[in-house]
N, C-alpha and C. Protein backbone atom coordinates (compact mmCIF):
# COMPACT_ATOMS: atom_id res chain seq x y z
N MET A 1 -12.19 35.36 30.10
CA MET A 1 -11.57 34.50 31.03
C MET A 1 -10.07 35.11 31.08
N THR A 2 -9.41 35.43 31.87
CA THR A 2 -7.78 35.97 31.97
C THR A 2 -6.85 35.08 32.57
N GLY A 3 -5.28 35.34 32.62
CA GLY A 3 -4.64 34.70 33.31
C GLY A 3 -4.28 33.29 32.78
N LYS A 4 -3.74 32.47 33.64
CA LYS A 4 -3.48 30.88 33.11
C LYS A 4 -4.53 30.30 32.93
N ALA A 5 -5.68 30.24 33.14
CA ALA A 5 -7.01 29.21 32.48
C ALA A 5 -7.30 29.95 30.94
N GLY A 6 -7.49 30.99 30.99
CA GLY A 6 -7.30 31.60 29.74
C GLY A 6 -6.38 31.18 28.55
N MET A 7 -5.21 31.29 28.93
CA MET A 7 -4.18 31.00 28.16
C MET A 7 -4.30 29.30 27.64
N MET A 8 -4.31 28.74 28.84
CA MET A 8 -4.54 27.12 28.75
C MET A 8 -5.81 26.77 27.59
N ARG A 9 -6.62 27.39 27.69
CA ARG A 9 -8.02 27.13 27.23
C ARG A 9 -7.57 27.42 25.71
N ARG A 10 -7.00 28.33 25.17
CA ARG A 10 -6.52 28.68 23.89
C ARG A 10 -5.09 27.80 23.16
N VAL A 11 -4.48 27.24 24.34
CA VAL A 11 -3.59 26.31 23.71
C VAL A 11 -4.28 25.08 23.50
N PHE A 12 -5.01 24.70 24.39
CA PHE A 12 -5.64 23.34 24.09
C PHE A 12 -6.77 23.55 22.88
N PHE A 13 -7.04 24.46 22.52
CA PHE A 13 -8.22 24.64 21.22
C PHE A 13 -7.11 24.72 20.12
N LEU A 14 -6.29 24.89 20.29
CA LEU A 14 -5.04 24.88 19.19
C LEU A 14 -4.32 23.69 18.92
N PHE A 15 -4.09 23.14 20.18
CA PHE A 15 -3.64 21.69 19.96
C PHE A 15 -4.59 20.88 19.26
N ILE A 16 -5.84 21.07 19.59
CA ILE A 16 -6.74 19.61 19.09
C ILE A 16 -6.62 19.89 17.59
N PRO A 17 -6.66 20.68 16.75
CA PRO A 17 -6.91 20.80 15.18
C PRO A 17 -5.27 20.28 14.84
N MET A 18 -4.04 20.83 15.40
CA MET A 18 -3.32 20.26 14.91
C MET A 18 -2.72 18.45 14.92
N VAL A 19 -3.42 18.37 16.52
CA VAL A 19 -3.24 16.68 16.56
C VAL A 19 -4.00 15.93 15.57
N ALA A 20 -5.41 16.58 14.97
CA ALA A 20 -6.07 15.58 14.18
C ALA A 20 -5.34 16.02 12.62
N VAL A 21 -4.70 16.73 12.36
CA VAL A 21 -4.09 16.75 10.94
C VAL A 21 -2.67 16.30 10.98
N LEU A 22 -1.96 15.90 11.75
CA LEU A 22 -0.71 15.42 11.95
C LEU A 22 -0.47 14.09 11.05
N PRO A 23 0.45 14.34 10.11
CA PRO A 23 0.59 13.06 8.87
C PRO A 23 1.43 11.82 9.41
N GLY A 24 1.27 10.67 8.97
CA GLY A 24 2.16 9.91 9.48
C GLY A 24 1.94 8.94 10.60
N CYS A 25 0.82 9.01 11.36
CA CYS A 25 1.07 8.47 12.46
C CYS A 25 0.46 7.27 12.53
N ALA A 26 0.06 6.53 11.45
CA ALA A 26 -0.47 5.20 11.17
C ALA A 26 0.56 4.58 10.73
N SER A 27 0.66 3.31 10.80
CA SER A 27 1.37 2.40 10.19
C SER A 27 0.63 1.41 9.25
N TYR A 28 0.73 0.94 7.86
CA TYR A 28 0.01 0.14 6.91
C TYR A 28 0.35 -1.05 6.75
N TYR A 29 -0.41 -1.74 7.12
CA TYR A 29 -0.28 -3.47 6.63
C TYR A 29 -1.35 -4.07 5.55
N SER A 30 -0.56 -5.23 5.08
CA SER A 30 -1.25 -5.81 4.53
C SER A 30 -1.32 -7.59 4.82
N TYR A 31 -2.32 -8.32 5.43
CA TYR A 31 -2.51 -9.26 5.93
C TYR A 31 -2.75 -10.45 4.81
N PHE A 32 -2.10 -11.41 4.51
CA PHE A 32 -2.89 -12.48 3.91
C PHE A 32 -2.45 -14.34 4.14
N ALA A 33 -2.99 -15.16 3.59
CA ALA A 33 -2.71 -16.51 3.90
C ALA A 33 -3.53 -16.95 2.70
N MET A 34 -2.68 -18.46 2.44
CA MET A 34 -3.13 -19.26 1.20
C MET A 34 -3.21 -20.72 1.89
N PHE A 35 -4.30 -21.46 1.79
CA PHE A 35 -4.23 -22.64 2.29
C PHE A 35 -4.91 -23.77 1.40
N PRO A 36 -4.43 -25.12 1.40
CA PRO A 36 -5.23 -25.95 1.03
C PRO A 36 -6.66 -26.33 1.38
N ALA A 37 -7.42 -26.86 0.62
CA ALA A 37 -8.90 -27.29 1.09
C ALA A 37 -9.91 -27.78 0.16
N GLU A 38 -10.59 -27.90 0.64
CA GLU A 38 -11.71 -28.55 -0.47
C GLU A 38 -13.26 -27.57 -0.48
N ASN A 39 -13.59 -27.67 -2.09
CA ASN A 39 -14.94 -26.70 -1.92
C ASN A 39 -16.09 -27.86 -1.67
N SER A 40 -17.36 -27.00 -1.40
CA SER A 40 -18.67 -28.10 -1.42
C SER A 40 -18.64 -29.12 -2.32
N LEU A 41 -17.78 -29.24 -3.75
CA LEU A 41 -17.89 -30.27 -4.33
C LEU A 41 -17.41 -31.34 -4.11
N GLY A 42 -16.21 -31.01 -2.86
CA GLY A 42 -15.23 -31.92 -2.86
C GLY A 42 -14.02 -31.88 -3.59
N GLU A 43 -13.44 -30.77 -4.66
CA GLU A 43 -12.43 -30.51 -5.27
C GLU A 43 -11.39 -29.95 -4.39
N SER A 44 -10.31 -30.10 -5.01
CA SER A 44 -9.18 -29.60 -4.15
C SER A 44 -8.95 -28.53 -4.72
N ARG A 45 -9.12 -27.24 -3.90
CA ARG A 45 -8.82 -26.00 -4.26
C ARG A 45 -7.64 -25.20 -3.03
N GLN A 46 -7.08 -24.18 -3.80
CA GLN A 46 -6.30 -23.12 -2.85
C GLN A 46 -7.84 -21.97 -2.27
N VAL A 47 -7.18 -21.51 -1.24
CA VAL A 47 -8.06 -20.58 -0.44
C VAL A 47 -7.20 -19.26 -0.10
N ARG A 48 -7.87 -18.27 -0.10
CA ARG A 48 -6.67 -17.39 0.12
C ARG A 48 -7.63 -16.40 0.99
N VAL A 49 -6.97 -15.55 2.06
CA VAL A 49 -7.47 -14.91 3.03
C VAL A 49 -6.88 -13.59 2.84
N SER A 50 -7.25 -12.47 2.91
CA SER A 50 -6.57 -11.17 2.77
C SER A 50 -7.27 -9.99 3.67
N TRP A 51 -6.83 -9.07 3.81
CA TRP A 51 -7.41 -7.53 4.40
C TRP A 51 -5.90 -6.74 4.53
N ASP A 52 -6.24 -5.36 4.68
CA ASP A 52 -5.18 -4.35 4.97
C ASP A 52 -5.87 -3.62 6.26
N SER A 53 -4.66 -2.85 7.16
CA SER A 53 -4.89 -2.40 8.41
C SER A 53 -4.33 -0.82 8.48
N ALA A 54 -4.57 0.21 9.05
CA ALA A 54 -4.03 1.02 9.88
C ALA A 54 -3.50 0.77 11.17
N GLU A 55 -2.75 0.95 11.76
CA GLU A 55 -2.31 0.70 12.92
C GLU A 55 -1.85 1.83 13.59
N TYR A 56 -2.30 2.39 14.85
CA TYR A 56 -2.19 3.79 15.22
C TYR A 56 -1.27 3.41 16.55
N PRO A 57 -0.50 4.24 16.81
CA PRO A 57 0.13 4.16 18.26
C PRO A 57 -0.96 4.36 19.30
N GLY A 58 -0.12 3.47 20.44
CA GLY A 58 -1.22 3.29 21.43
C GLY A 58 -1.68 4.88 22.29
N TRP A 59 -0.90 5.90 22.18
CA TRP A 59 -1.23 7.16 22.65
C TRP A 59 -2.21 7.83 21.60
N TRP A 60 -2.23 7.45 20.62
CA TRP A 60 -3.15 8.07 19.57
C TRP A 60 -4.47 8.02 19.77
N ILE A 61 -5.29 8.97 19.33
CA ILE A 61 -6.53 9.19 19.75
C ILE A 61 -7.51 8.14 18.87
N LEU A 62 -7.25 7.58 17.81
CA LEU A 62 -8.25 6.60 16.87
C LEU A 62 -7.61 5.19 17.44
N ASP A 63 -8.62 4.29 16.90
CA ASP A 63 -8.34 2.82 17.18
C ASP A 63 -7.82 2.41 15.84
N ASP A 64 -7.09 1.18 16.18
CA ASP A 64 -6.64 0.73 14.88
C ASP A 64 -7.93 0.66 13.53
N ARG A 65 -7.55 0.53 12.46
CA ARG A 65 -8.57 0.25 11.44
C ARG A 65 -8.44 -1.00 10.43
N SER A 66 -9.48 -1.70 9.80
CA SER A 66 -9.11 -2.29 9.10
C SER A 66 -10.13 -2.34 7.58
N THR A 67 -9.67 -2.89 6.63
CA THR A 67 -10.44 -3.14 5.60
C THR A 67 -11.41 -4.43 5.88
N ALA A 68 -12.45 -4.76 5.44
CA ALA A 68 -13.10 -6.16 5.04
C ALA A 68 -12.06 -7.17 4.93
N LEU A 69 -12.45 -8.24 5.37
CA LEU A 69 -11.64 -9.47 5.47
C LEU A 69 -11.88 -10.38 4.45
N LYS A 70 -11.14 -10.63 3.23
CA LYS A 70 -11.64 -11.28 1.78
C LYS A 70 -11.37 -12.72 2.02
N VAL A 71 -12.40 -13.37 1.51
CA VAL A 71 -12.09 -15.03 1.58
C VAL A 71 -12.45 -15.48 0.17
N GLU A 72 -11.28 -15.69 -0.69
CA GLU A 72 -11.46 -16.28 -1.97
C GLU A 72 -10.96 -17.48 -2.06
N THR A 73 -12.07 -18.58 -3.07
CA THR A 73 -11.57 -19.81 -3.15
C THR A 73 -11.22 -19.99 -5.11
N GLN A 74 -10.06 -20.73 -5.25
CA GLN A 74 -9.46 -20.94 -6.36
C GLN A 74 -10.73 -21.40 -7.47
N CYS A 75 -10.67 -20.71 -8.60
CA CYS A 75 -11.76 -21.05 -9.34
C CYS A 75 -13.14 -20.48 -9.51
N SER A 76 -13.33 -19.85 -8.33
CA SER A 76 -14.63 -19.33 -8.06
C SER A 76 -14.80 -17.86 -8.46
N ASP A 77 -16.04 -17.39 -8.41
CA ASP A 77 -16.33 -16.27 -8.76
C ASP A 77 -16.83 -15.61 -7.44
N ARG A 78 -16.88 -16.38 -6.74
CA ARG A 78 -17.58 -15.89 -4.90
C ARG A 78 -16.60 -15.26 -4.18
N ILE A 79 -16.84 -14.19 -3.96
CA ILE A 79 -15.89 -13.34 -2.96
C ILE A 79 -16.66 -13.04 -1.66
N TRP A 80 -15.91 -13.68 -0.29
CA TRP A 80 -16.86 -13.17 0.62
C TRP A 80 -16.01 -11.97 1.16
N ARG A 81 -16.82 -11.15 1.70
CA ARG A 81 -16.35 -10.10 2.46
C ARG A 81 -16.88 -9.98 4.06
N LEU A 82 -15.97 -10.42 5.01
CA LEU A 82 -16.34 -10.31 6.45
C LEU A 82 -15.82 -8.76 6.94
N ARG A 83 -17.14 -8.66 7.87
CA ARG A 83 -16.81 -7.43 8.33
C ARG A 83 -17.14 -7.32 9.93
N ASP A 84 -16.59 -6.43 10.92
CA ASP A 84 -17.36 -6.62 11.96
C ASP A 84 -17.96 -5.10 12.29
N ASP A 85 -18.03 -4.87 13.70
CA ASP A 85 -19.15 -3.93 14.14
C ASP A 85 -18.32 -2.54 13.74
N SER A 86 -17.22 -2.46 13.75
CA SER A 86 -16.43 -0.95 13.25
C SER A 86 -16.79 -0.61 11.86
N HIS A 87 -17.29 -1.65 11.07
CA HIS A 87 -17.52 -1.49 9.44
C HIS A 87 -18.91 -0.96 9.34
N GLU A 88 -18.92 -0.55 8.20
CA GLU A 88 -20.53 -0.24 7.86
C GLU A 88 -21.04 -1.26 6.96
N ASN A 89 -22.10 -1.77 6.80
CA ASN A 89 -22.61 -2.58 6.30
C ASN A 89 -22.08 -4.18 7.10
N ALA A 90 -22.09 -4.22 8.15
CA ALA A 90 -21.48 -5.32 8.41
C ALA A 90 -22.55 -6.35 8.69
N GLY A 91 -23.79 -6.50 8.48
CA GLY A 91 -24.49 -7.34 8.20
C GLY A 91 -25.22 -7.76 9.78
N SER A 92 -26.50 -8.28 9.64
CA SER A 92 -27.33 -8.20 11.07
C SER A 92 -27.12 -10.10 11.40
N CYS A 93 -26.38 -10.71 11.10
CA CYS A 93 -26.13 -12.00 11.25
C CYS A 93 -25.24 -12.01 12.39
N GLY A 94 -25.57 -11.20 13.85
CA GLY A 94 -24.43 -11.72 14.90
C GLY A 94 -23.71 -10.59 14.94
N ASN A 95 -22.78 -10.91 15.96
CA ASN A 95 -21.69 -10.02 15.99
C ASN A 95 -20.30 -10.42 15.89
N GLY A 96 -19.59 -9.69 15.88
CA GLY A 96 -18.00 -10.07 15.84
C GLY A 96 -17.54 -10.12 14.23
N ILE A 97 -16.53 -10.84 13.64
CA ILE A 97 -16.36 -10.91 12.27
C ILE A 97 -17.26 -11.92 11.40
N ARG A 98 -18.05 -11.53 10.63
CA ARG A 98 -19.00 -12.03 10.12
C ARG A 98 -19.34 -11.77 8.68
N ALA A 99 -19.75 -12.90 8.15
CA ALA A 99 -20.53 -12.62 6.65
C ALA A 99 -21.86 -13.26 6.76
N CYS A 100 -22.96 -13.05 5.99
CA CYS A 100 -24.19 -13.29 6.18
C CYS A 100 -24.66 -14.20 5.07
N ALA A 101 -25.79 -15.20 5.12
CA ALA A 101 -25.99 -15.85 3.90
C ALA A 101 -26.82 -15.15 2.98
N GLU A 102 -26.75 -15.38 1.99
CA GLU A 102 -27.64 -14.80 0.90
C GLU A 102 -28.93 -15.52 0.54
N VAL A 103 -30.08 -14.86 0.31
CA VAL A 103 -31.28 -15.67 0.44
C VAL A 103 -31.00 -16.15 -0.79
N GLY A 104 -31.30 -17.35 -1.17
CA GLY A 104 -31.38 -18.09 -2.82
C GLY A 104 -30.47 -18.64 -3.26
N VAL A 105 -29.10 -17.99 -2.60
CA VAL A 105 -27.33 -18.07 -3.00
C VAL A 105 -26.96 -19.46 -1.95
N ASP A 106 -27.12 -18.92 -0.72
CA ASP A 106 -26.54 -19.67 0.04
C ASP A 106 -27.54 -20.35 1.20
N ARG A 107 -26.94 -21.66 1.75
CA ARG A 107 -28.06 -22.62 2.62
C ARG A 107 -26.87 -22.80 3.81
N VAL A 108 -27.68 -22.40 4.87
CA VAL A 108 -26.60 -22.51 6.40
C VAL A 108 -26.98 -24.24 6.59
N VAL A 109 -26.00 -24.95 6.67
CA VAL A 109 -25.59 -26.57 7.37
C VAL A 109 -24.95 -26.61 8.45
N VAL A 110 -24.27 -26.08 8.91
CA VAL A 110 -23.70 -26.18 10.10
C VAL A 110 -24.70 -24.90 11.29
N ARG A 111 -24.89 -25.86 12.37
CA ARG A 111 -25.83 -24.91 13.49
C ARG A 111 -25.07 -25.01 14.54
N ARG A 112 -24.80 -24.03 15.02
CA ARG A 112 -23.90 -23.94 16.34
C ARG A 112 -24.57 -23.12 17.39
N GLU A 113 -24.64 -23.02 18.62
CA GLU A 113 -25.06 -22.37 19.86
C GLU A 113 -24.96 -21.09 19.38
N GLU A 114 -23.42 -20.66 19.40
CA GLU A 114 -22.94 -19.13 19.52
C GLU A 114 -23.29 -18.37 18.22
N LEU A 115 -23.97 -19.17 17.06
CA LEU A 115 -23.95 -18.45 15.82
C LEU A 115 -25.25 -17.96 15.42
N ASP A 116 -25.46 -16.82 14.78
CA ASP A 116 -26.68 -16.26 14.54
C ASP A 116 -27.12 -17.62 13.26
N SER A 117 -28.47 -17.71 13.32
CA SER A 117 -29.14 -18.46 12.24
C SER A 117 -28.53 -18.33 10.80
N SER A 118 -28.50 -17.22 10.46
CA SER A 118 -27.85 -16.68 9.05
C SER A 118 -26.65 -16.50 9.15
N ALA A 119 -25.66 -16.67 9.85
CA ALA A 119 -24.59 -16.54 9.79
C ALA A 119 -23.60 -17.36 8.49
N CYS A 120 -22.90 -17.14 7.51
CA CYS A 120 -22.17 -18.11 6.69
C CYS A 120 -20.83 -18.32 7.15
N LEU A 121 -20.09 -17.19 7.17
CA LEU A 121 -18.69 -17.54 7.55
C LEU A 121 -18.37 -16.33 8.75
N VAL A 122 -17.70 -17.17 9.70
CA VAL A 122 -17.40 -16.06 11.03
C VAL A 122 -15.84 -16.71 11.18
N VAL A 123 -15.17 -15.53 11.77
CA VAL A 123 -13.71 -15.27 12.24
C VAL A 123 -13.72 -15.66 13.37
N ASN A 124 -13.15 -16.63 14.12
CA ASN A 124 -12.75 -16.76 15.68
C ASN A 124 -14.45 -16.89 16.41
N PRO A 125 -15.24 -17.71 16.22
CA PRO A 125 -16.53 -17.72 16.23
C PRO A 125 -16.55 -18.09 18.14
N GLY A 126 -17.83 -17.32 18.60
CA GLY A 126 -17.70 -17.12 20.18
C GLY A 126 -17.17 -15.90 20.64
N GLN A 127 -16.23 -14.91 19.92
CA GLN A 127 -15.47 -13.95 20.14
C GLN A 127 -16.48 -12.54 19.60
N GLY A 128 -17.65 -12.38 20.61
CA GLY A 128 -18.84 -11.44 20.08
C GLY A 128 -18.10 -9.98 19.63
N ASN A 129 -16.97 -9.99 20.38
CA ASN A 129 -16.70 -8.60 20.13
C ASN A 129 -15.21 -8.54 19.34
N ALA A 130 -14.95 -9.42 18.60
CA ALA A 130 -13.65 -9.51 17.74
C ALA A 130 -13.93 -8.50 16.83
N ARG A 131 -12.65 -8.18 16.54
CA ARG A 131 -12.47 -6.97 15.65
C ARG A 131 -11.05 -7.52 14.27
N ILE A 132 -11.49 -7.48 13.04
CA ILE A 132 -10.46 -7.76 12.28
C ILE A 132 -9.31 -7.10 12.50
N ALA A 133 -8.99 -5.60 12.95
CA ALA A 133 -8.25 -4.82 13.07
C ALA A 133 -7.01 -5.52 14.47
N ASP A 134 -7.42 -6.54 15.17
CA ASP A 134 -7.17 -6.95 16.24
C ASP A 134 -6.38 -8.56 15.86
N ILE A 135 -6.60 -8.69 14.83
CA ILE A 135 -6.10 -10.08 14.27
C ILE A 135 -4.70 -9.86 14.06
N GLU A 136 -3.87 -10.97 14.49
CA GLU A 136 -2.43 -10.90 14.14
C GLU A 136 -2.19 -12.62 14.30
N GLY A 137 -1.44 -13.26 13.13
CA GLY A 137 -0.47 -14.36 13.10
C GLY A 137 -1.53 -15.23 12.95
N ARG A 138 -2.74 -15.50 13.56
CA ARG A 138 -3.63 -16.58 13.57
C ARG A 138 -5.20 -16.44 13.67
N LEU A 139 -6.14 -17.33 12.87
CA LEU A 139 -7.30 -17.04 13.09
C LEU A 139 -8.12 -18.52 12.59
N GLU A 140 -9.47 -18.48 13.51
CA GLU A 140 -10.18 -19.56 13.01
C GLU A 140 -11.42 -19.22 12.39
N LEU A 141 -11.35 -19.68 10.96
CA LEU A 141 -12.40 -19.22 10.15
C LEU A 141 -13.58 -20.72 9.91
N LEU A 142 -14.44 -20.36 10.34
CA LEU A 142 -16.01 -21.31 10.25
C LEU A 142 -16.79 -20.82 9.35
N VAL A 143 -16.76 -21.80 8.23
CA VAL A 143 -17.92 -21.76 7.26
C VAL A 143 -19.21 -22.83 7.60
N ALA A 144 -20.08 -22.10 7.95
CA ALA A 144 -21.50 -22.73 8.19
C ALA A 144 -22.68 -22.91 6.85
N CYS A 145 -22.09 -22.50 5.43
CA CYS A 145 -22.91 -22.50 4.71
C CYS A 145 -22.20 -23.32 3.39
N GLU A 146 -23.09 -23.94 2.52
CA GLU A 146 -22.83 -24.15 1.61
C GLU A 146 -24.00 -23.38 0.00
N PRO A 147 -22.93 -23.42 -1.03
CA PRO A 147 -23.90 -22.82 -2.07
C PRO A 147 -24.80 -23.48 -2.31
N VAL A 148 -26.30 -22.95 -2.54
CA VAL A 148 -27.22 -23.64 -3.09
C VAL A 148 -27.08 -24.19 -4.12
N SER A 149 -26.49 -23.55 -5.28
CA SER A 149 -25.79 -24.19 -6.40
C SER A 149 -24.39 -23.66 -6.84
N PRO A 150 -23.48 -24.67 -7.14
CA PRO A 150 -22.35 -24.40 -7.21
C PRO A 150 -22.08 -23.44 -8.46
N GLU A 151 -22.97 -23.42 -9.46
CA GLU A 151 -22.89 -22.55 -10.67
C GLU A 151 -24.46 -21.71 -10.98
N SER A 152 -23.74 -20.35 -11.38
CA SER A 152 -24.82 -19.45 -11.39
C SER A 152 -24.79 -19.24 -12.94
N GLU A 153 -25.88 -18.73 -13.67
CA GLU A 153 -25.95 -18.19 -14.77
C GLU A 153 -26.17 -16.32 -14.87
N ARG A 154 -25.51 -15.74 -15.67
CA ARG A 154 -25.40 -14.22 -15.20
C ARG A 154 -24.95 -13.61 -16.62
N GLU A 155 -26.17 -12.89 -17.31
CA GLU A 155 -25.83 -12.59 -18.73
C GLU A 155 -25.11 -13.19 -19.84
N GLY A 156 -25.69 -14.64 -19.96
CA GLY A 156 -25.67 -15.69 -20.78
C GLY A 156 -24.24 -16.46 -20.32
N GLU A 157 -23.45 -16.01 -19.37
CA GLU A 157 -21.90 -16.38 -18.67
C GLU A 157 -22.64 -17.42 -17.42
N THR A 158 -21.60 -18.71 -17.50
CA THR A 158 -21.60 -19.39 -16.12
C THR A 158 -20.51 -19.46 -15.60
N LEU A 159 -20.97 -18.74 -14.30
CA LEU A 159 -19.93 -18.23 -13.13
C LEU A 159 -20.10 -19.66 -12.23
N ASN A 160 -18.71 -19.75 -11.71
CA ASN A 160 -18.72 -21.03 -10.42
C ASN A 160 -18.78 -20.06 -9.28
N MET A 161 -19.82 -20.41 -8.34
CA MET A 161 -20.02 -19.48 -7.38
C MET A 161 -19.98 -20.85 -5.75
N ASP A 162 -18.86 -21.84 -6.42
CA ASP A 162 -18.66 -22.81 -5.26
C ASP A 162 -17.55 -21.84 -4.35
N TYR A 163 -17.54 -22.56 -3.00
CA TYR A 163 -16.57 -22.00 -2.14
C TYR A 163 -15.94 -22.83 -1.10
N LEU A 164 -15.12 -22.55 -0.25
CA LEU A 164 -14.58 -23.73 0.91
C LEU A 164 -15.73 -24.38 1.73
N ARG A 165 -15.56 -25.68 1.75
CA ARG A 165 -16.58 -26.58 2.25
C ARG A 165 -16.76 -26.33 3.75
N ALA A 166 -17.75 -26.57 3.92
CA ALA A 166 -18.48 -25.94 5.30
C ALA A 166 -18.00 -27.36 6.17
N SER A 167 -18.12 -26.52 7.54
CA SER A 167 -17.52 -27.65 8.46
C SER A 167 -17.71 -27.15 10.04
N PRO A 168 -18.50 -28.17 10.50
CA PRO A 168 -18.36 -27.62 11.88
C PRO A 168 -17.43 -27.25 13.05
N VAL A 169 -16.01 -27.94 12.62
CA VAL A 169 -14.70 -27.31 13.42
C VAL A 169 -14.13 -26.32 12.15
N PRO A 170 -13.91 -25.13 13.15
CA PRO A 170 -13.14 -24.29 12.12
C PRO A 170 -11.78 -24.38 11.66
N TYR A 171 -11.29 -23.55 10.17
CA TYR A 171 -10.15 -23.83 9.87
C TYR A 171 -9.17 -23.36 10.40
N THR A 172 -8.21 -23.70 10.72
CA THR A 172 -6.81 -22.79 11.56
C THR A 172 -6.46 -22.00 10.35
N VAL A 173 -6.07 -20.68 10.29
CA VAL A 173 -5.22 -19.91 9.48
C VAL A 173 -4.14 -19.17 10.13
N TYR A 174 -3.13 -19.45 9.16
CA TYR A 174 -1.88 -18.88 10.04
C TYR A 174 -1.80 -17.83 8.72
N THR A 175 -1.72 -16.34 9.35
CA THR A 175 -1.60 -15.13 8.39
C THR A 175 -0.04 -14.46 8.19
N ARG A 176 0.27 -14.07 7.24
CA ARG A 176 1.51 -13.24 7.21
C ARG A 176 1.36 -11.93 7.31
N LYS A 177 2.07 -10.86 7.67
CA LYS A 177 1.80 -9.39 7.95
C LYS A 177 3.04 -8.85 7.23
N VAL A 178 2.73 -7.75 6.37
CA VAL A 178 3.80 -7.43 5.55
C VAL A 178 3.53 -5.81 5.26
N PRO A 179 4.31 -4.90 5.37
CA PRO A 179 4.06 -3.59 5.27
C PRO A 179 3.42 -3.63 3.88
N ARG A 180 2.43 -2.51 3.92
CA ARG A 180 1.72 -2.38 2.50
C ARG A 180 2.47 -1.50 1.65
N GLY A 181 2.43 -1.66 0.47
CA GLY A 181 3.25 -0.99 -0.52
C GLY A 181 4.38 -1.79 -0.66
N SER A 182 5.23 -2.70 0.11
CA SER A 182 6.43 -3.26 0.11
C SER A 182 6.48 -4.36 -0.98
N LEU A 183 7.61 -4.86 -1.63
CA LEU A 183 7.58 -5.85 -2.68
C LEU A 183 6.89 -7.30 -1.94
N SER A 184 6.91 -7.61 -1.06
CA SER A 184 6.59 -8.74 -0.45
C SER A 184 4.92 -8.74 -0.13
N ALA A 185 4.23 -7.68 -0.21
CA ALA A 185 3.11 -7.53 -0.14
C ALA A 185 1.81 -8.05 -1.21
N SER A 186 2.68 -8.45 -2.28
CA SER A 186 1.81 -8.97 -3.23
C SER A 186 1.07 -10.18 -2.58
N LEU A 187 -0.17 -10.45 -3.08
CA LEU A 187 -0.57 -11.65 -2.64
C LEU A 187 -0.70 -12.77 -3.66
N PRO A 188 -0.44 -13.84 -2.59
CA PRO A 188 -0.02 -14.83 -3.47
C PRO A 188 -1.47 -15.45 -4.73
N ALA A 189 -0.72 -15.93 -6.00
CA ALA A 189 -1.65 -15.96 -6.87
C ALA A 189 -2.12 -17.26 -7.03
N PHE A 190 -3.19 -17.33 -7.67
CA PHE A 190 -4.30 -18.78 -7.95
C PHE A 190 -3.77 -19.47 -9.19
N ASP A 191 -3.04 -20.68 -9.12
CA ASP A 191 -3.01 -21.35 -10.41
C ASP A 191 -4.38 -21.42 -11.25
N ASP A 192 -4.58 -21.07 -12.32
CA ASP A 192 -5.87 -21.03 -13.13
C ASP A 192 -5.63 -22.06 -13.75
N SER A 193 -4.52 -22.80 -13.91
CA SER A 193 -4.54 -24.08 -14.62
C SER A 193 -5.69 -25.42 -14.07
N ALA A 194 -5.75 -25.02 -12.84
CA ALA A 194 -6.58 -26.23 -11.88
C ALA A 194 -8.00 -26.19 -12.37
N CYS A 195 -8.34 -25.03 -12.77
CA CYS A 195 -9.95 -24.63 -13.52
C CYS A 195 -10.21 -25.05 -14.76
N ASP A 196 -9.62 -25.73 -15.53
CA ASP A 196 -9.40 -26.11 -16.71
C ASP A 196 -10.31 -27.69 -16.69
């Protein structure tokens, strides 16, 4: 191949590897929220939601990415990790942003037409193509499960496995977005004195 066509092809093949290794194209953010709610036993608790993201410019070849979305309940050892179809191990309990019931640990108590029968926690139910990387500012968190037992024994130690109370109406959660690594990116801490 000679002439302009050959030159263009060489430039194109040189350009692709350069684009793939350009550093600094993504902006990195942390998202979090803390809100009061009750656990399945009716005890007042704080609930923390958090995740991280990498956001790329619109012209970039990659889609925005995120970590799993974590849901933690004050005084509980149970940490939920919700994933979407862009993550490995997203779970087979439907589409969208979800976490599945664990056999013998969780029992589904809220049934909704748009939910898989083994979905426990779902963000923005009814949006089957929802991605964590696309959430900004506000989310709807549906809790469809309760623990089979609020406590569990592991290696002689009693663990609190209780979590956010199930509800047919999603919790509305307003999140904060901050540059990852900044002073304001520290997650709000739980007050452990409430667990005594």
